[in-house]
């Protein structure tokens, strides 16, 4: 199972309102970072989100690991911080044609 490093820097604009005094990585930011990382690593385009479950908050600057498995039309993924599961889900995807 491929693994990619993710990190949302403490200076990310989303932390200004999510939540003042106790910032956590917004789910939408985590999803976007995961999508971008997978698309950059694979010859595919994410076309939708089938399911996402957020299990534990991620804090600003934490080193996160994105593990994923690609099949014909989906990517199953999990974000972890050490042994702690942060989120799991499944993206729908389309494989890009090779040149």
N, C-alpha and C. Protein backbone atom coordinates (compact mmCIF):
# COMPACT_ATOMS: atom_id res chain seq x y z
N UNK A 1 0.86 -1.18 0.00
CA UNK A 1 0.00 0.00 0.00
C UNK A 1 0.90 1.24 0.00
N UNK A 2 0.78 2.10 -1.02
CA UNK A 2 1.60 3.32 -1.05
C UNK A 2 1.27 4.24 0.13
N UNK A 3 2.28 4.97 0.58
CA UNK A 3 2.12 5.93 1.66
C UNK A 3 2.74 7.25 1.25
N UNK A 4 2.00 8.34 1.48
CA UNK A 4 2.48 9.68 1.18
C UNK A 4 2.45 10.51 2.46
N UNK A 5 3.38 11.43 2.58
CA UNK A 5 3.41 12.33 3.73
C UNK A 5 2.47 13.51 3.48
N UNK A 6 1.71 13.89 4.49
CA UNK A 6 0.86 15.08 4.45
C UNK A 6 1.19 15.93 5.67
N UNK A 7 1.13 17.22 5.50
CA UNK A 7 1.28 18.14 6.62
C UNK A 7 0.58 19.43 6.28
N UNK A 8 -0.35 19.85 7.13
CA UNK A 8 -1.01 21.14 6.97
C UNK A 8 -0.29 22.10 7.90
N UNK A 9 0.45 23.05 7.33
CA UNK A 9 1.27 23.93 8.17
C UNK A 9 0.44 24.76 9.14
N UNK A 10 1.04 25.07 10.26
CA UNK A 10 0.35 25.84 11.31
C UNK A 10 -0.13 27.19 10.80
N UNK A 11 0.49 27.73 9.76
CA UNK A 11 0.09 29.03 9.23
C UNK A 11 -1.02 28.98 8.20
N UNK A 12 -1.59 27.82 7.94
CA UNK A 12 -2.66 27.69 6.95
C UNK A 12 -3.84 28.60 7.31
N UNK A 13 -4.39 29.26 6.32
CA UNK A 13 -5.47 30.23 6.54
C UNK A 13 -6.71 29.63 7.19
N UNK A 14 -6.95 28.34 7.00
CA UNK A 14 -8.16 27.71 7.55
C UNK A 14 -8.17 27.70 9.08
N UNK A 15 -7.00 27.78 9.71
CA UNK A 15 -6.96 27.72 11.16
C UNK A 15 -7.48 28.98 11.84
N UNK A 16 -7.59 30.07 11.11
CA UNK A 16 -8.06 31.32 11.70
C UNK A 16 -9.46 31.18 12.29
N UNK A 17 -10.31 30.38 11.67
CA UNK A 17 -11.67 30.25 12.17
C UNK A 17 -12.04 28.85 12.58
N UNK A 18 -11.07 27.95 12.66
CA UNK A 18 -11.41 26.54 12.89
C UNK A 18 -10.45 25.93 13.89
N UNK A 19 -10.48 26.07 15.05
CA UNK A 19 -11.33 26.88 15.92
C UNK A 19 -10.43 27.80 16.71
N UNK A 20 -10.80 29.05 16.90
CA UNK A 20 -9.95 29.99 17.65
C UNK A 20 -9.61 29.44 19.05
N UNK A 21 -8.33 29.47 19.38
CA UNK A 21 -7.90 28.98 20.68
C UNK A 21 -7.59 27.50 20.72
N UNK A 22 -8.15 26.72 19.81
CA UNK A 22 -7.88 25.27 19.74
C UNK A 22 -8.04 24.82 18.29
N UNK A 23 -7.08 25.21 17.43
CA UNK A 23 -7.21 24.91 16.01
C UNK A 23 -7.09 23.42 15.70
N UNK A 24 -7.91 22.96 14.76
CA UNK A 24 -7.80 21.61 14.20
C UNK A 24 -7.91 21.73 12.68
N UNK A 25 -7.37 20.74 11.99
CA UNK A 25 -7.43 20.74 10.54
C UNK A 25 -8.87 20.51 10.11
N UNK A 26 -9.47 21.43 9.34
CA UNK A 26 -10.83 21.21 8.85
C UNK A 26 -10.87 19.99 7.94
N UNK A 27 -11.96 19.25 8.00
CA UNK A 27 -12.11 18.06 7.17
C UNK A 27 -11.94 18.34 5.69
N UNK A 28 -12.47 19.47 5.23
CA UNK A 28 -12.36 19.79 3.81
C UNK A 28 -10.91 20.02 3.40
N UNK A 29 -10.10 20.57 4.27
CA UNK A 29 -8.67 20.77 3.97
C UNK A 29 -7.97 19.41 3.92
N UNK A 30 -8.29 18.54 4.85
CA UNK A 30 -7.70 17.20 4.86
C UNK A 30 -8.06 16.44 3.58
N UNK A 31 -9.33 16.52 3.17
CA UNK A 31 -9.77 15.86 1.93
C UNK A 31 -9.04 16.42 0.72
N UNK A 32 -8.90 17.73 0.66
CA UNK A 32 -8.24 18.36 -0.47
C UNK A 32 -6.76 17.99 -0.54
N UNK A 33 -6.08 17.99 0.60
CA UNK A 33 -4.67 17.61 0.63
C UNK A 33 -4.50 16.15 0.21
N UNK A 34 -5.38 15.28 0.66
CA UNK A 34 -5.32 13.86 0.27
C UNK A 34 -5.55 13.71 -1.23
N UNK A 35 -6.55 14.39 -1.75
CA UNK A 35 -6.86 14.33 -3.18
C UNK A 35 -5.67 14.80 -4.02
N UNK A 36 -5.12 15.95 -3.66
CA UNK A 36 -3.99 16.51 -4.41
C UNK A 36 -2.78 15.57 -4.38
N UNK A 37 -2.50 15.00 -3.23
CA UNK A 37 -1.34 14.11 -3.09
C UNK A 37 -1.52 12.84 -3.94
N UNK A 38 -2.72 12.28 -3.91
CA UNK A 38 -2.97 11.05 -4.69
C UNK A 38 -2.93 11.35 -6.18
N UNK A 39 -3.54 12.43 -6.61
CA UNK A 39 -3.51 12.79 -8.03
C UNK A 39 -2.08 13.03 -8.51
N UNK A 40 -1.25 13.65 -7.69
CA UNK A 40 0.14 13.92 -8.06
C UNK A 40 0.96 12.63 -8.15
N UNK A 41 0.61 11.64 -7.33
CA UNK A 41 1.37 10.39 -7.29
C UNK A 41 0.90 9.35 -8.31
N UNK A 42 -0.32 9.49 -8.78
CA UNK A 42 -0.91 8.50 -9.67
C UNK A 42 -1.40 9.17 -10.96
N UNK A 43 -1.56 8.38 -12.00
CA UNK A 43 -2.11 8.90 -13.26
C UNK A 43 -3.63 8.77 -13.23
N UNK A 44 -4.24 9.56 -12.35
CA UNK A 44 -5.70 9.51 -12.23
C UNK A 44 -6.24 10.87 -11.82
N UNK A 45 -7.53 11.03 -11.97
CA UNK A 45 -8.23 12.24 -11.57
C UNK A 45 -9.34 11.82 -10.61
N UNK A 46 -9.38 12.41 -9.44
CA UNK A 46 -10.46 12.17 -8.49
C UNK A 46 -11.70 12.87 -9.03
N UNK A 47 -12.80 12.11 -9.13
CA UNK A 47 -14.04 12.65 -9.69
C UNK A 47 -15.14 12.82 -8.66
N UNK A 48 -14.93 12.29 -7.46
CA UNK A 48 -15.96 12.43 -6.44
C UNK A 48 -15.52 11.81 -5.13
N UNK A 49 -16.33 12.03 -4.14
CA UNK A 49 -16.10 11.48 -2.80
C UNK A 49 -17.25 10.54 -2.48
N UNK A 50 -16.95 9.26 -2.33
CA UNK A 50 -17.99 8.28 -2.02
C UNK A 50 -18.31 8.28 -0.53
N UNK A 51 -17.27 8.35 0.29
CA UNK A 51 -17.47 8.33 1.74
C UNK A 51 -16.23 8.88 2.43
N UNK A 52 -16.45 9.53 3.55
CA UNK A 52 -15.35 9.98 4.40
C UNK A 52 -15.81 9.94 5.85
N UNK A 53 -14.96 9.44 6.71
CA UNK A 53 -15.24 9.41 8.15
C UNK A 53 -14.04 10.02 8.86
N UNK A 54 -14.33 10.98 9.72
CA UNK A 54 -13.29 11.65 10.49
C UNK A 54 -13.31 11.07 11.90
N UNK A 55 -12.20 10.47 12.29
CA UNK A 55 -12.15 9.68 13.52
C UNK A 55 -11.45 10.37 14.67
N UNK A 56 -10.52 11.28 14.36
CA UNK A 56 -9.74 11.96 15.38
C UNK A 56 -9.26 13.27 14.79
N UNK A 57 -9.20 14.34 15.57
CA UNK A 57 -8.74 15.61 15.00
C UNK A 57 -7.25 15.60 14.70
N UNK A 58 -6.89 16.29 13.62
CA UNK A 58 -5.49 16.52 13.28
C UNK A 58 -5.17 17.96 13.68
N UNK A 59 -4.01 18.15 14.26
CA UNK A 59 -3.62 19.47 14.75
C UNK A 59 -2.68 20.15 13.76
N UNK A 60 -2.59 21.47 13.83
CA UNK A 60 -1.70 22.19 12.91
C UNK A 60 -0.27 21.67 12.98
N UNK A 61 0.31 21.42 11.80
CA UNK A 61 1.69 21.02 11.72
C UNK A 61 1.99 19.56 12.02
N UNK A 62 0.99 18.76 12.39
CA UNK A 62 1.25 17.35 12.66
C UNK A 62 1.69 16.63 11.39
N UNK A 63 2.64 15.72 11.54
CA UNK A 63 3.07 14.89 10.41
C UNK A 63 2.04 13.79 10.21
N UNK A 64 1.40 13.80 9.06
CA UNK A 64 0.35 12.85 8.75
C UNK A 64 0.82 11.91 7.65
N UNK A 65 0.34 10.67 7.68
CA UNK A 65 0.65 9.70 6.65
C UNK A 65 -0.65 9.32 5.94
N UNK A 66 -0.63 9.39 4.62
CA UNK A 66 -1.77 9.03 3.79
C UNK A 66 -1.45 7.69 3.13
N UNK A 67 -2.18 6.66 3.51
CA UNK A 67 -2.05 5.34 2.89
C UNK A 67 -3.24 5.15 1.97
N UNK A 68 -3.00 4.57 0.79
CA UNK A 68 -4.10 4.43 -0.15
C UNK A 68 -3.92 3.20 -1.04
N UNK A 69 -5.04 2.75 -1.60
CA UNK A 69 -5.08 1.64 -2.54
C UNK A 69 -5.94 2.07 -3.71
N UNK A 70 -5.41 1.91 -4.92
CA UNK A 70 -6.13 2.28 -6.14
C UNK A 70 -6.70 1.03 -6.78
N UNK A 71 -7.98 1.11 -7.16
CA UNK A 71 -8.60 0.04 -7.94
C UNK A 71 -9.08 0.65 -9.25
N UNK A 72 -9.89 -0.08 -9.96
CA UNK A 72 -10.35 0.36 -11.28
C UNK A 72 -11.01 1.73 -11.26
N UNK A 73 -11.90 1.95 -10.31
CA UNK A 73 -12.66 3.20 -10.32
C UNK A 73 -12.75 3.90 -8.97
N UNK A 74 -11.85 3.53 -8.05
CA UNK A 74 -11.86 4.20 -6.75
C UNK A 74 -10.50 4.14 -6.08
N UNK A 75 -10.35 5.01 -5.08
CA UNK A 75 -9.16 5.03 -4.23
C UNK A 75 -9.64 4.95 -2.79
N UNK A 76 -9.26 3.90 -2.10
CA UNK A 76 -9.54 3.79 -0.67
C UNK A 76 -8.34 4.36 0.06
N UNK A 77 -8.59 5.18 1.07
CA UNK A 77 -7.49 5.87 1.73
C UNK A 77 -7.71 5.94 3.24
N UNK A 78 -6.60 6.18 3.93
CA UNK A 78 -6.61 6.36 5.38
C UNK A 78 -5.52 7.36 5.73
N UNK A 79 -5.85 8.31 6.58
CA UNK A 79 -4.87 9.28 7.09
C UNK A 79 -4.60 8.93 8.54
N UNK A 80 -3.30 8.85 8.87
CA UNK A 80 -2.88 8.50 10.23
C UNK A 80 -1.89 9.52 10.74
N UNK A 81 -1.83 9.63 12.05
CA UNK A 81 -0.78 10.38 12.72
C UNK A 81 -0.18 9.39 13.72
N UNK A 82 0.93 8.78 13.33
CA UNK A 82 1.48 7.70 14.15
C UNK A 82 0.49 6.54 14.15
N UNK A 83 0.13 6.08 15.34
CA UNK A 83 -0.84 4.98 15.46
C UNK A 83 -2.29 5.46 15.45
N UNK A 84 -2.49 6.77 15.49
CA UNK A 84 -3.85 7.33 15.58
C UNK A 84 -4.46 7.47 14.19
N UNK A 85 -5.64 6.90 14.00
CA UNK A 85 -6.37 7.04 12.75
C UNK A 85 -7.11 8.38 12.76
N UNK A 86 -6.83 9.20 11.76
CA UNK A 86 -7.44 10.52 11.65
C UNK A 86 -8.71 10.46 10.81
N UNK A 87 -8.61 9.84 9.64
CA UNK A 87 -9.75 9.77 8.72
C UNK A 87 -9.60 8.59 7.78
N UNK A 88 -10.74 8.09 7.30
CA UNK A 88 -10.77 7.04 6.29
C UNK A 88 -11.80 7.42 5.24
N UNK A 89 -11.63 6.88 4.05
CA UNK A 89 -12.63 7.18 3.03
C UNK A 89 -12.35 6.53 1.71
N UNK A 90 -13.15 6.97 0.74
CA UNK A 90 -13.06 6.42 -0.60
C UNK A 90 -13.38 7.52 -1.61
N UNK A 91 -12.43 7.78 -2.50
CA UNK A 91 -12.64 8.70 -3.62
C UNK A 91 -13.05 7.90 -4.84
N UNK A 92 -13.89 8.44 -5.67
CA UNK A 92 -14.16 7.91 -6.99
C UNK A 92 -13.11 8.50 -7.91
N UNK A 93 -12.69 7.75 -8.93
CA UNK A 93 -11.62 8.26 -9.78
C UNK A 93 -11.78 7.81 -11.23
N UNK A 94 -11.03 8.48 -12.08
CA UNK A 94 -10.92 8.15 -13.51
C UNK A 94 -9.43 8.10 -13.81
N UNK A 95 -8.99 7.03 -14.42
CA UNK A 95 -7.58 6.90 -14.78
C UNK A 95 -7.31 7.72 -16.02
N UNK A 96 -6.20 8.45 -16.00
CA UNK A 96 -5.81 9.29 -17.13
C UNK A 96 -5.13 8.42 -18.17
N UNK A 97 -5.34 8.75 -19.42
CA UNK A 97 -4.72 8.01 -20.52
C UNK A 97 -3.21 8.26 -20.53
N UNK A 98 -2.45 7.24 -20.84
CA UNK A 98 -0.99 7.39 -20.96
C UNK A 98 -0.67 8.02 -22.32
N UNK A 99 0.35 8.87 -22.38
CA UNK A 99 0.71 9.50 -23.67
C UNK A 99 1.30 8.50 -24.65
